[in-house]
Amino acid sequence: MKRIKLINRIFYCIFLLGFLLFMASGFIFSTVDEATPADKRTSVVVKPEDTRYIGDDTIEYYVKIRAGTGNNNALAFVSRHQEVEVYAGGRLIYYIKAHRSVYGTTTGTNYTIVNIPPYTTDIIVRLTNVYAGHKIRGTTFEYGDETKLIKELIAKSLPSAVLSSSIIIVGFAMIILWIFCRKKIAQTQALFYFGIFAMIIGAWALNETDIATILVENRKIGSLIGYVLLMMIPIPFMQAEKNFFQIGKSAANNILCAIYAATAVILLVCHMTGVWEFKNSVYIIHMMLVMSLVYFCTVLIKRVWVKGFDRKVKSNIIGAAALGISMIVDLIAYYKGMQQTDLIGKLGILIFIIVLGYESISEAFEKIKEGQKADFYKEMAVTDTMTGVYNRFAFEEWEQETSDYEGYSIVTFDLNNLKWCNDNLGHAAGDAYIQASARIIKEIFGRHGKCYRIGGDEFCTVINQKQKSFDIGRHVKQLRELEKYTEEELGIKDLNVQIACGYAEYDIKTDKNFEDTRSRADKRMYESKRRLKRE
């Protein structure tokens, strides 16, 4: 049975992942019979005729293009934390200048598309590093129809954007699940922290795509968002692992999280004051990420040493491999100046989130099932199996747990003619009589309090009258009406259904405890019993 359930889970996961990938591929590869003038034009990679370095921070490209007659021709290239100047025929036609503010000096990473005037053949592109001392990063140029260039850019970066968005969605789903589960079961914090981690790292990955460079026009803010998101990753990641492995108090975890938080605050202040901007301190952020991954591996090794290769360890090994590869790819992409992080990096992050998220979700559902079983067995311990009402143990437990009986009252019941029914009609008829009487009592009095079977033919209902008074006369009248109906329903010849009842309210002046109240109700119940027999 367990193997079948596992196979079903694997099948559903594969089906869901396949469906998502299929839908994503539709956006990328599907085509329709639609054409525009721009589709007939082609974009080409243009190699500069000459490249010159001016000092240590400026590079100048001399680009010769085929003269166009239209107004929609454009030159596209990427600049990274650089000021940009574009000249056509010796005239400045486009520029990006850096300005100092609390948000930084950087111009960010820009996918620049410059509209080229008709009949232009000679273009000069000058890139100047905003931050002195950094290696000048070159770029490549594409020339063609502006609309075509934008379409190609979106098509190329869409897979990365889809994967990044998927990571955010998975993280959001984890947080929603945690909100629903946290009140029902303990130790679900791993779901919350994995969800936060996934949403942060997904947002960072989405911010790094070329689509983001088009949608977020202010690239200084885009760059700032990227750095801040990177600094936010280590703490929820480490807390997720701590809660996933149910590690108690951990000095190493607490110290590292405190260091990360303090470092993030210091770096942010330095950036805002211009003392040390994020572009110059980014290697410290990368060190924070590497240290958190090392912590993860250390926790994993310790777990293997203590408990061996259990299911959690195996899933974490897969996750660690995927995340490690992803981190290496992203760091290489950054330090080599790639235009955007590779799909492998984002896919590795998604695999890590899905694998560990699945384990966390599975564990949460297992705990819910365990809790449901515990509730079931607890309910069985206090429930009378024949009638479905609470048993004597439950009544005595309520008495012990309740210290203040002010406002409480009790109705006690006894079934007339049960012994005669058992002796003359059989115990099956007697059991049916008991069950039918319990249904009547619960139907009439159950909405006012809990009903208990405290003996073979004895029942009681505890009523809380703090909110409003209880009309016992009206309820007894309903009881007598249902007795007649029950006789017809049972269809047992010669059975006379009679439920004697007595009622008493707790009186703090005369009752030492609730047993005294029940005794007074019993006296009235026996009076009712004798009266019914006379009738």
Protein backbone atom coordinates (compact mmCIF):
# COMPACT_ATOMS: atom_id res chain seq x y z
CA MET A 1 0.00 0.00 0.00
CA LYS A 2 2.81 2.42 0.92
CA ARG A 3 4.57 1.63 -2.36
CA ILE A 4 1.38 2.35 -4.31
CA LYS A 5 0.97 5.70 -2.51
CA LEU A 6 4.60 6.60 -3.28
CA ILE A 7 4.14 5.71 -6.95
CA ASN A 8 0.98 7.84 -7.07
CA ARG A 9 2.80 10.80 -5.52
CA ILE A 10 5.66 10.49 -8.00
CA PHE A 11 3.19 10.22 -10.88
CA TYR A 12 1.26 13.31 -9.79
CA CYS A 13 4.47 15.33 -9.34
CA ILE A 14 5.80 14.29 -12.75
CA PHE A 15 2.44 15.05 -14.35
CA LEU A 16 2.23 18.49 -12.71
CA LEU A 17 5.82 19.39 -13.62
CA GLY A 18 5.30 18.13 -17.17
CA PHE A 19 2.11 20.17 -17.51
CA LEU A 20 3.83 23.35 -16.27
CA LEU A 21 6.77 22.82 -18.63
CA PHE A 22 4.39 22.11 -21.51
CA MET A 23 2.50 25.36 -20.85
CA ALA A 24 5.76 27.28 -20.57
CA SER A 25 7.03 25.78 -23.84
CA GLY A 26 3.82 26.94 -25.52
CA PHE A 27 4.72 30.56 -24.79
CA ILE A 28 8.22 30.01 -26.16
CA PHE A 29 7.87 27.71 -29.16
CA SER A 30 4.25 27.90 -30.35
CA THR A 31 3.59 29.94 -33.46
CA VAL A 32 0.54 31.42 -35.16
CA ASP A 33 -0.03 32.57 -38.72
CA GLU A 34 0.55 36.23 -38.00
CA ALA A 35 3.02 38.52 -39.67
CA THR A 36 4.10 42.12 -39.34
CA PRO A 37 6.55 44.13 -41.46
CA ALA A 38 9.10 43.77 -38.65
CA ASP A 39 9.00 39.97 -38.91
CA LYS A 40 10.40 40.13 -42.43
CA ARG A 41 13.41 42.11 -41.29
CA THR A 42 16.38 40.43 -39.70
CA SER A 43 18.65 41.50 -36.89
CA VAL A 44 22.35 40.87 -37.23
CA VAL A 45 25.30 40.80 -34.85
CA VAL A 46 27.60 43.68 -35.67
CA LYS A 47 31.31 43.46 -34.96
CA PRO A 48 32.96 46.83 -34.22
CA GLU A 49 35.54 47.93 -36.77
CA ASP A 50 37.70 49.37 -34.02
CA THR A 51 37.85 49.24 -30.21
CA ARG A 52 39.84 51.76 -28.18
CA TYR A 53 40.58 51.97 -24.46
CA ILE A 54 40.67 55.47 -22.97
CA GLY A 55 42.38 55.28 -19.62
CA ASP A 56 41.42 52.49 -17.24
CA ASP A 57 37.66 53.03 -17.13
CA THR A 58 36.46 53.89 -20.66
CA ILE A 59 36.09 51.80 -23.79
CA GLU A 60 35.08 53.21 -27.19
CA TYR A 61 33.58 51.19 -30.04
CA TYR A 62 33.51 52.28 -33.70
CA VAL A 63 30.63 50.49 -35.38
CA LYS A 64 29.83 50.62 -39.10
CA ILE A 65 26.32 49.61 -40.11
CA ARG A 66 24.34 49.34 -43.31
CA ALA A 67 22.46 52.57 -43.91
CA GLY A 68 18.72 52.22 -43.43
CA THR A 69 15.95 54.38 -44.77
CA GLY A 70 13.31 53.63 -42.14
CA ASN A 71 12.80 55.19 -38.73
CA ASN A 72 12.68 51.90 -36.80
CA ASN A 73 16.29 50.76 -37.10
CA ALA A 74 18.07 50.28 -33.78
CA LEU A 75 21.36 49.24 -32.23
CA ALA A 76 21.11 46.98 -29.14
CA PHE A 77 23.79 46.23 -26.54
CA VAL A 78 24.22 45.65 -22.80
CA SER A 79 25.98 47.96 -20.34
CA ARG A 80 26.79 46.97 -16.76
CA HIS A 81 27.29 49.74 -14.20
CA GLN A 82 28.53 52.01 -16.98
CA GLU A 83 27.77 55.45 -18.33
CA VAL A 84 26.75 55.31 -21.98
CA GLU A 85 27.24 57.74 -24.86
CA VAL A 86 26.15 56.95 -28.42
CA TYR A 87 27.15 59.19 -31.34
CA ALA A 88 25.75 58.97 -34.88
CA GLY A 89 27.60 60.97 -37.51
CA GLY A 90 29.48 62.82 -34.73
CA ARG A 91 26.21 63.87 -33.01
CA LEU A 92 25.21 62.62 -29.52
CA ILE A 93 21.91 60.74 -29.93
CA TYR A 94 21.71 58.78 -26.65
CA TYR A 95 23.32 58.79 -23.20
CA ILE A 96 23.02 57.37 -19.68
CA LYS A 97 24.67 59.39 -16.90
CA ALA A 98 25.32 58.34 -13.29
CA HIS A 99 24.01 60.50 -10.47
CA ARG A 100 24.80 60.15 -6.78
CA SER A 101 21.84 59.60 -4.41
CA VAL A 102 21.00 57.55 -1.31
CA TYR A 103 20.07 54.73 -3.70
CA GLY A 104 23.61 54.62 -5.08
CA THR A 105 25.60 55.93 -8.01
CA THR A 106 25.27 52.97 -10.36
CA THR A 107 23.41 53.06 -13.64
CA GLY A 108 22.67 49.34 -13.17
CA THR A 109 22.55 46.74 -15.90
CA ASN A 110 20.83 48.11 -19.00
CA TYR A 111 19.73 46.36 -22.14
CA THR A 112 20.03 49.43 -24.31
CA ILE A 113 18.13 49.78 -27.60
CA VAL A 114 19.08 52.99 -29.41
CA ASN A 115 17.03 54.20 -32.35
CA ILE A 116 19.37 55.05 -35.23
CA PRO A 117 18.57 57.98 -37.58
CA PRO A 118 17.99 57.10 -41.27
CA TYR A 119 21.02 56.89 -43.59
CA THR A 120 23.45 56.56 -40.65
CA THR A 121 26.51 54.38 -41.29
CA ASP A 122 29.02 55.35 -38.59
CA ILE A 123 28.28 54.99 -34.87
CA ILE A 124 30.50 55.53 -31.84
CA VAL A 125 29.55 53.87 -28.52
CA ARG A 126 31.46 54.98 -25.43
CA LEU A 127 31.13 53.04 -22.15
CA THR A 128 32.65 54.43 -18.94
CA ASN A 129 32.77 52.52 -15.66
CA VAL A 130 30.78 54.20 -12.89
CA TYR A 131 33.08 52.60 -10.32
CA ALA A 132 36.77 53.25 -10.92
CA GLY A 133 39.20 50.38 -10.57
CA HIS A 134 36.92 47.68 -11.97
CA LYS A 135 37.79 45.78 -15.11
CA ILE A 136 36.10 47.20 -18.18
CA ARG A 137 33.56 44.74 -19.46
CA GLY A 138 32.99 44.68 -23.18
CA THR A 139 29.71 44.13 -24.95
CA THR A 140 28.28 42.85 -28.21
CA PHE A 141 26.07 44.70 -30.66
CA GLU A 142 22.97 43.74 -32.63
CA TYR A 143 21.48 45.86 -35.38
CA GLY A 144 18.04 45.59 -36.92
CA ASP A 145 14.40 46.49 -36.57
CA GLU A 146 13.65 47.77 -33.06
CA THR A 147 10.45 45.73 -32.69
CA LYS A 148 12.25 42.61 -33.87
CA LEU A 149 15.06 43.18 -31.37
CA ILE A 150 12.59 43.48 -28.48
CA LYS A 151 10.71 40.33 -29.56
CA GLU A 152 13.94 38.35 -29.77
CA LEU A 153 15.03 39.61 -26.36
CA ILE A 154 11.74 38.53 -24.76
CA ALA A 155 11.86 35.12 -26.48
CA LYS A 156 15.43 34.49 -25.28
CA SER A 157 14.80 35.49 -21.67
CA LEU A 158 11.30 34.04 -21.30
CA PRO A 159 12.47 30.55 -20.13
CA SER A 160 14.47 32.16 -17.31
CA ALA A 161 11.54 34.40 -16.40
CA VAL A 162 9.15 31.43 -16.34
CA LEU A 163 11.46 29.42 -14.07
CA SER A 164 11.95 32.40 -11.76
CA SER A 165 8.21 32.98 -11.58
CA SER A 166 7.67 29.27 -10.84
CA ILE A 167 10.03 29.53 -7.87
CA ILE A 168 8.05 32.50 -6.51
CA ILE A 169 4.73 30.65 -6.97
CA VAL A 170 6.04 27.54 -5.18
CA GLY A 171 7.26 29.70 -2.29
CA PHE A 172 3.92 31.52 -2.06
CA ALA A 173 2.08 28.18 -2.01
CA MET A 174 4.27 26.99 0.88
CA ILE A 175 3.44 30.08 2.94
CA ILE A 176 -0.29 29.64 2.28
CA LEU A 177 -0.03 25.98 3.34
CA TRP A 178 1.84 27.02 6.50
CA ILE A 179 -0.93 29.50 7.37
CA PHE A 180 -3.52 26.70 7.21
CA CYS A 181 -1.36 24.10 8.99
CA ARG A 182 0.26 26.08 11.80
CA LYS A 183 -2.79 25.98 14.10
CA LYS A 184 -3.40 22.27 13.56
CA ILE A 185 0.12 20.95 14.02
CA ALA A 186 3.37 22.04 15.61
CA GLN A 187 6.79 22.25 13.94
CA THR A 188 5.69 23.65 10.57
CA GLN A 189 8.14 26.58 10.63
CA ALA A 190 10.28 24.88 7.95
CA LEU A 191 7.43 25.42 5.46
CA PHE A 192 7.28 29.12 6.31
CA TYR A 193 11.04 29.69 5.99
CA PHE A 194 11.31 27.61 2.80
CA GLY A 195 8.47 29.69 1.36
CA ILE A 196 10.18 32.97 2.28
CA PHE A 197 13.50 31.70 0.90
CA ALA A 198 11.86 30.60 -2.37
CA MET A 199 10.05 33.91 -2.88
CA ILE A 200 13.19 35.95 -2.19
CA ILE A 201 15.50 33.91 -4.41
CA GLY A 202 12.81 33.72 -7.12
CA ALA A 203 12.36 37.50 -7.05
CA TRP A 204 16.13 37.96 -7.28
CA ALA A 205 16.37 35.57 -10.25
CA LEU A 206 13.48 37.33 -12.00
CA ASN A 207 15.13 40.70 -11.41
CA GLU A 208 18.26 39.42 -13.19
CA THR A 209 16.46 38.53 -16.44
CA ASP A 210 16.57 40.71 -19.55
CA ILE A 211 12.79 41.09 -19.37
CA ALA A 212 13.27 42.87 -16.04
CA THR A 213 15.70 45.32 -17.65
CA ILE A 214 12.89 46.35 -19.99
CA LEU A 215 10.04 46.36 -17.46
CA VAL A 216 11.95 48.13 -14.66
CA GLU A 217 13.03 51.32 -16.38
CA ASN A 218 14.93 52.71 -13.37
CA ARG A 219 17.89 50.33 -13.40
CA LYS A 220 19.49 51.96 -10.36
CA ILE A 221 16.51 50.76 -8.29
CA GLY A 222 16.60 47.42 -10.10
CA SER A 223 20.24 46.98 -9.14
CA LEU A 224 19.54 47.98 -5.53
CA ILE A 225 16.67 45.48 -5.32
CA GLY A 226 18.95 42.72 -6.58
CA TYR A 227 21.64 43.37 -3.96
CA VAL A 228 19.13 43.68 -1.10
CA LEU A 229 17.38 40.44 -2.11
CA LEU A 230 20.74 38.66 -2.18
CA MET A 231 21.48 39.84 1.36
CA MET A 232 18.09 38.57 2.53
CA ILE A 233 18.61 35.00 1.28
CA PRO A 234 20.92 33.43 3.96
CA ILE A 235 18.77 33.91 7.10
CA PRO A 236 15.50 32.25 5.90
CA PHE A 237 17.61 29.55 4.21
CA MET A 238 19.42 28.67 7.44
CA GLN A 239 16.24 28.88 9.52
CA ALA A 240 14.49 26.58 7.04
CA GLU A 241 17.23 23.96 7.39
CA LYS A 242 17.25 24.31 11.18
CA ASN A 243 13.51 23.70 11.41
CA PHE A 244 13.52 21.04 8.70
CA PHE A 245 15.95 18.91 10.73
CA GLN A 246 14.23 19.99 13.98
CA ILE A 247 17.46 21.27 15.49
CA GLY A 248 16.86 22.77 18.91
CA LYS A 249 18.89 25.68 20.21
CA SER A 250 21.87 26.14 17.90
CA ALA A 251 24.56 28.64 18.87
CA ALA A 252 26.17 28.41 15.41
CA ASN A 253 22.88 29.15 13.67
CA ASN A 254 22.06 32.08 15.95
CA ILE A 255 25.54 33.59 15.67
CA LEU A 256 25.63 33.29 11.87
CA CYS A 257 22.15 34.80 11.52
CA ALA A 258 23.14 37.69 13.81
CA ILE A 259 26.33 38.24 11.75
CA TYR A 260 24.34 38.19 8.49
CA ALA A 261 21.76 40.65 9.82
CA ALA A 262 24.43 43.03 11.17
CA THR A 263 26.46 42.77 7.93
CA ALA A 264 23.37 43.52 5.82
CA VAL A 265 22.57 46.62 7.87
CA ILE A 266 26.19 47.87 7.75
CA LEU A 267 26.46 47.32 3.98
CA LEU A 268 23.14 49.08 3.39
CA VAL A 269 24.22 52.10 5.46
CA CYS A 270 27.59 52.22 3.67
CA HIS A 271 25.80 52.09 0.31
CA MET A 272 23.33 54.84 1.18
CA THR A 273 26.06 57.14 2.51
CA GLY A 274 28.32 56.46 -0.48
CA VAL A 275 31.16 55.15 1.71
CA TRP A 276 31.14 51.69 0.12
CA GLU A 277 28.49 50.89 -2.47
CA PHE A 278 27.11 47.42 -3.14
CA LYS A 279 29.03 47.05 -6.40
CA ASN A 280 32.27 47.27 -4.42
CA SER A 281 31.09 45.13 -1.48
CA VAL A 282 29.25 42.45 -3.45
CA TYR A 283 31.97 39.87 -2.77
CA ILE A 284 31.03 40.04 0.93
CA ILE A 285 27.43 39.21 0.01
CA HIS A 286 28.69 36.29 -2.04
CA MET A 287 30.76 35.13 0.94
CA MET A 288 27.59 35.20 3.06
CA LEU A 289 25.86 32.95 0.54
CA VAL A 290 28.80 30.52 0.42
CA MET A 291 28.96 30.40 4.22
CA SER A 292 25.25 29.56 4.44
CA LEU A 293 25.77 26.73 1.93
CA VAL A 294 28.71 25.46 4.00
CA TYR A 295 26.47 25.56 7.10
CA PHE A 296 23.87 23.56 5.18
CA CYS A 297 26.45 20.91 4.24
CA THR A 298 27.72 20.79 7.86
CA VAL A 299 24.20 20.20 9.18
CA LEU A 300 23.73 17.50 6.55
CA ILE A 301 26.97 15.71 7.50
CA LYS A 302 26.06 15.86 11.20
CA ARG A 303 22.64 14.39 10.42
CA VAL A 304 24.24 11.51 8.50
CA TRP A 305 26.63 10.89 11.40
CA VAL A 306 23.81 10.76 13.95
CA LYS A 307 20.91 9.11 12.06
CA GLY A 308 22.44 7.72 8.89
CA PHE A 309 21.00 8.07 5.40
CA ASP A 310 17.32 8.55 6.19
CA ARG A 311 14.77 10.04 3.80
CA LYS A 312 15.43 13.61 4.89
CA VAL A 313 19.16 13.23 4.28
CA LYS A 314 18.67 11.72 0.81
CA SER A 315 16.34 14.53 -0.27
CA ASN A 316 18.76 17.13 1.13
CA ILE A 317 21.70 15.61 -0.74
CA ILE A 318 19.75 16.05 -3.99
CA GLY A 319 18.81 19.59 -2.95
CA ALA A 320 22.39 20.44 -1.90
CA ALA A 321 23.76 19.22 -5.25
CA ALA A 322 21.17 21.24 -7.20
CA LEU A 323 21.69 24.37 -5.11
CA GLY A 324 25.48 24.06 -5.17
CA ILE A 325 25.55 23.78 -8.96
CA SER A 326 23.12 26.69 -9.20
CA MET A 327 25.31 28.88 -6.96
CA ILE A 328 28.48 28.05 -8.91
CA VAL A 329 26.78 28.80 -12.23
CA ASP A 330 25.40 32.13 -10.97
CA LEU A 331 28.74 33.22 -9.50
CA ILE A 332 30.55 32.33 -12.72
CA ALA A 333 27.89 34.20 -14.69
CA TYR A 334 28.39 37.28 -12.52
CA TYR A 335 32.19 37.40 -12.46
CA LYS A 336 32.47 36.59 -16.18
CA GLY A 337 30.00 39.38 -16.96
CA MET A 338 27.35 37.25 -18.62
CA GLN A 339 24.22 39.06 -19.69
CA GLN A 340 21.94 36.99 -17.43
CA THR A 341 22.33 33.94 -15.23
CA ASP A 342 22.08 30.63 -16.97
CA LEU A 343 18.92 28.52 -17.09
CA ILE A 344 20.83 25.75 -15.28
CA GLY A 345 21.22 28.02 -12.27
CA LYS A 346 17.51 28.78 -12.02
CA LEU A 347 16.57 25.16 -12.70
CA GLY A 348 18.88 24.07 -9.86
CA ILE A 349 17.16 26.50 -7.47
CA LEU A 350 13.73 25.23 -8.55
CA ILE A 351 14.79 21.60 -8.01
CA PHE A 352 16.07 22.46 -4.52
CA ILE A 353 12.82 24.23 -3.60
CA ILE A 354 10.60 21.44 -4.98
CA VAL A 355 12.57 18.57 -3.38
CA LEU A 356 12.84 20.09 0.10
CA GLY A 357 9.44 21.72 -0.14
CA TYR A 358 7.88 18.36 -1.00
CA GLU A 359 9.56 16.78 2.02
CA SER A 360 8.35 19.58 4.29
CA ILE A 361 4.81 19.37 2.92
CA SER A 362 4.78 15.55 3.21
CA GLU A 363 5.96 15.81 6.81
CA ALA A 364 3.26 18.39 7.56
CA PHE A 365 0.53 16.14 6.16
CA GLU A 366 1.90 13.14 8.06
CA LYS A 367 1.71 15.14 11.28
CA ILE A 368 -1.84 16.18 10.43
CA LYS A 369 -2.75 12.50 9.99
CA GLU A 370 -1.06 11.62 13.26
CA GLY A 371 -2.96 14.43 14.96
CA GLN A 372 -6.23 13.21 13.45
CA LYS A 373 -5.51 9.69 14.72
CA ALA A 374 -4.69 11.02 18.17
CA ASP A 375 -7.91 13.04 18.20
CA PHE A 376 -9.84 9.96 17.07
CA TYR A 377 -8.42 7.76 19.82
CA LYS A 378 -9.00 10.50 22.38
CA GLU A 379 -12.58 10.84 21.20
CA MET A 380 -13.04 7.06 21.40
CA ALA A 381 -11.76 7.09 24.99
CA VAL A 382 -14.48 9.51 26.08
CA THR A 383 -17.32 8.29 23.83
CA ASP A 384 -19.91 5.62 24.57
CA THR A 385 -19.65 3.27 21.58
CA MET A 386 -23.30 2.11 21.75
CA THR A 387 -24.96 5.53 21.75
CA GLY A 388 -22.33 7.97 20.44
CA VAL A 389 -22.72 10.35 23.40
CA TYR A 390 -19.95 10.98 25.92
CA ASN A 391 -19.30 8.31 28.57
CA ARG A 392 -18.96 8.43 32.36
CA PHE A 393 -15.17 8.92 32.12
CA ALA A 394 -15.74 12.09 30.09
CA PHE A 395 -18.26 13.37 32.67
CA GLU A 396 -15.87 12.75 35.57
CA GLU A 397 -13.03 14.37 33.60
CA TRP A 398 -15.20 17.47 33.07
CA GLU A 399 -15.94 17.62 36.80
CA GLN A 400 -12.23 17.43 37.65
CA GLU A 401 -11.21 20.07 35.10
CA THR A 402 -13.99 22.52 36.05
CA SER A 403 -13.34 24.60 39.15
CA ASP A 404 -16.19 27.11 38.93
CA TYR A 405 -19.70 25.65 38.48
CA GLU A 406 -21.46 29.00 38.74
CA GLY A 407 -24.10 29.21 35.98
CA TYR A 408 -24.11 25.46 35.28
CA SER A 409 -27.14 23.17 35.58
CA ILE A 410 -27.75 19.48 34.95
CA VAL A 411 -30.57 17.34 33.60
CA THR A 412 -30.47 13.65 34.63
CA PHE A 413 -32.34 10.90 32.78
CA ASP A 414 -33.38 7.31 33.52
CA LEU A 415 -35.11 4.88 31.15
CA ASN A 416 -38.28 3.31 32.51
CA ASN A 417 -39.11 -0.29 31.63
CA LEU A 418 -35.60 -1.18 30.36
CA LYS A 419 -35.31 -4.27 32.61
CA TRP A 420 -38.78 -5.46 31.53
CA CYS A 421 -37.76 -4.90 27.87
CA ASN A 422 -34.55 -6.95 28.26
CA ASP A 423 -36.34 -9.77 30.09
CA ASN A 424 -39.40 -10.00 27.86
CA LEU A 425 -38.39 -8.64 24.46
CA GLY A 426 -34.70 -9.51 24.42
CA HIS A 427 -31.47 -7.58 24.78
CA ALA A 428 -31.51 -6.53 21.13
CA ALA A 429 -34.76 -4.66 21.81
CA GLY A 430 -33.18 -3.23 25.00
CA ASP A 431 -30.16 -1.97 23.05
CA ALA A 432 -32.45 -0.37 20.46
CA TYR A 433 -34.38 1.31 23.31
CA ILE A 434 -31.12 2.73 24.78
CA GLN A 435 -29.88 3.98 21.41
CA ALA A 436 -33.21 5.59 20.51
CA SER A 437 -33.43 7.29 23.91
CA ALA A 438 -29.88 8.66 23.51
CA ARG A 439 -30.85 10.14 20.14
CA ILE A 440 -33.90 11.83 21.68
CA ILE A 441 -31.87 13.29 24.56
CA LYS A 442 -29.14 14.54 22.24
CA GLU A 443 -31.62 16.03 19.77
CA ILE A 444 -33.50 18.02 22.43
CA PHE A 445 -30.80 18.85 25.00
CA GLY A 446 -27.55 18.42 23.02
CA ARG A 447 -27.62 21.92 21.57
CA HIS A 448 -27.48 23.34 25.11
CA GLY A 449 -24.61 21.21 26.43
CA LYS A 450 -22.83 17.87 26.33
CA CYS A 451 -24.77 14.64 26.82
CA TYR A 452 -23.29 11.76 28.82
CA ARG A 453 -24.21 8.13 29.42
CA ILE A 454 -23.22 7.62 33.06
CA GLY A 455 -24.78 4.20 33.62
CA GLY A 456 -26.60 1.37 31.87
CA ASP A 457 -29.86 3.29 31.54
CA GLU A 458 -28.75 6.61 33.04
CA PHE A 459 -27.90 9.75 31.08
CA CYS A 460 -27.28 13.39 31.90
CA THR A 461 -26.76 16.71 30.12
CA VAL A 462 -24.61 19.51 31.58
CA ILE A 463 -25.90 22.94 30.57
CA ASN A 464 -24.11 26.26 30.79
CA GLN A 465 -26.69 28.93 31.66
CA LYS A 466 -24.33 31.88 31.93
CA GLN A 467 -25.65 33.44 28.74
CA LYS A 468 -29.41 32.79 29.09
CA SER A 469 -31.97 30.95 31.23
CA PHE A 470 -33.02 27.38 30.45
CA ASP A 471 -36.73 26.52 30.11
CA ILE A 472 -36.88 22.93 31.38
CA GLY A 473 -40.66 22.69 31.04
CA ARG A 474 -40.65 23.35 27.31
CA HIS A 475 -37.90 20.78 26.74
CA VAL A 476 -39.68 18.09 28.80
CA LYS A 477 -42.78 18.63 26.68
CA GLN A 478 -40.68 18.03 23.54
CA LEU A 479 -39.28 14.91 25.18
CA ARG A 480 -42.74 13.43 25.73
CA GLU A 481 -43.72 14.11 22.12
CA LEU A 482 -40.65 12.36 20.77
CA GLU A 483 -41.21 9.36 23.06
CA LYS A 484 -44.47 8.57 21.22
CA TYR A 485 -42.82 9.04 17.83
CA THR A 486 -39.92 6.76 18.84
CA GLU A 487 -42.29 3.95 19.86
CA GLU A 488 -43.76 3.99 16.34
CA GLU A 489 -40.31 4.25 14.74
CA LEU A 490 -38.89 1.28 16.64
CA GLY A 491 -41.98 -0.82 15.93
CA ILE A 492 -41.38 -3.08 18.94
CA LYS A 493 -44.67 -4.46 20.22
CA ASP A 494 -45.56 -3.71 23.86
CA LEU A 495 -42.54 -1.38 24.29
CA ASN A 496 -43.48 1.70 26.29
CA VAL A 497 -40.80 4.39 25.85
CA GLN A 498 -40.55 6.54 28.98
CA ILE A 499 -37.58 8.75 29.84
CA ALA A 500 -37.74 10.13 33.37
CA CYS A 501 -35.81 13.35 33.92
CA GLY A 502 -34.87 15.71 36.72
CA TYR A 503 -33.36 19.19 36.61
CA ALA A 504 -31.26 21.21 39.07
CA GLU A 505 -29.15 24.36 38.93
CA TYR A 506 -25.87 24.71 40.80
CA ASP A 507 -26.38 26.74 43.97
CA ILE A 508 -23.21 28.06 45.55
CA LYS A 509 -25.00 28.41 48.91
CA THR A 510 -26.15 24.78 49.23
CA ASP A 511 -23.94 22.75 46.89
CA LYS A 512 -20.39 21.91 48.02
CA ASN A 513 -19.63 20.54 44.55
CA PHE A 514 -21.40 19.55 41.36
CA GLU A 515 -22.23 16.09 42.74
CA ASP A 516 -24.60 17.80 45.17
CA THR A 517 -26.31 19.45 42.21
CA ARG A 518 -26.59 16.10 40.44
CA SER A 519 -28.07 14.52 43.59
CA ARG A 520 -30.84 17.11 43.68
CA ALA A 521 -31.53 16.52 39.98
CA ASP A 522 -31.64 12.73 40.64
CA LYS A 523 -34.28 13.20 43.37
CA ARG A 524 -36.52 15.04 40.93
CA MET A 525 -35.77 12.47 38.26
CA TYR A 526 -36.98 9.62 40.55
CA GLU A 527 -40.12 11.60 41.30
CA SER A 528 -40.65 11.88 37.54
CA LYS A 529 -39.98 8.14 37.20
CA ARG A 530 -42.67 7.23 39.74
CA ARG A 531 -45.14 9.68 38.21
CA LEU A 532 -44.65 8.22 34.72
CA LYS A 533 -45.22 4.68 35.99
CA ARG A 534 -48.47 5.71 37.63
CA GLU A 535 -49.62 7.15 34.34
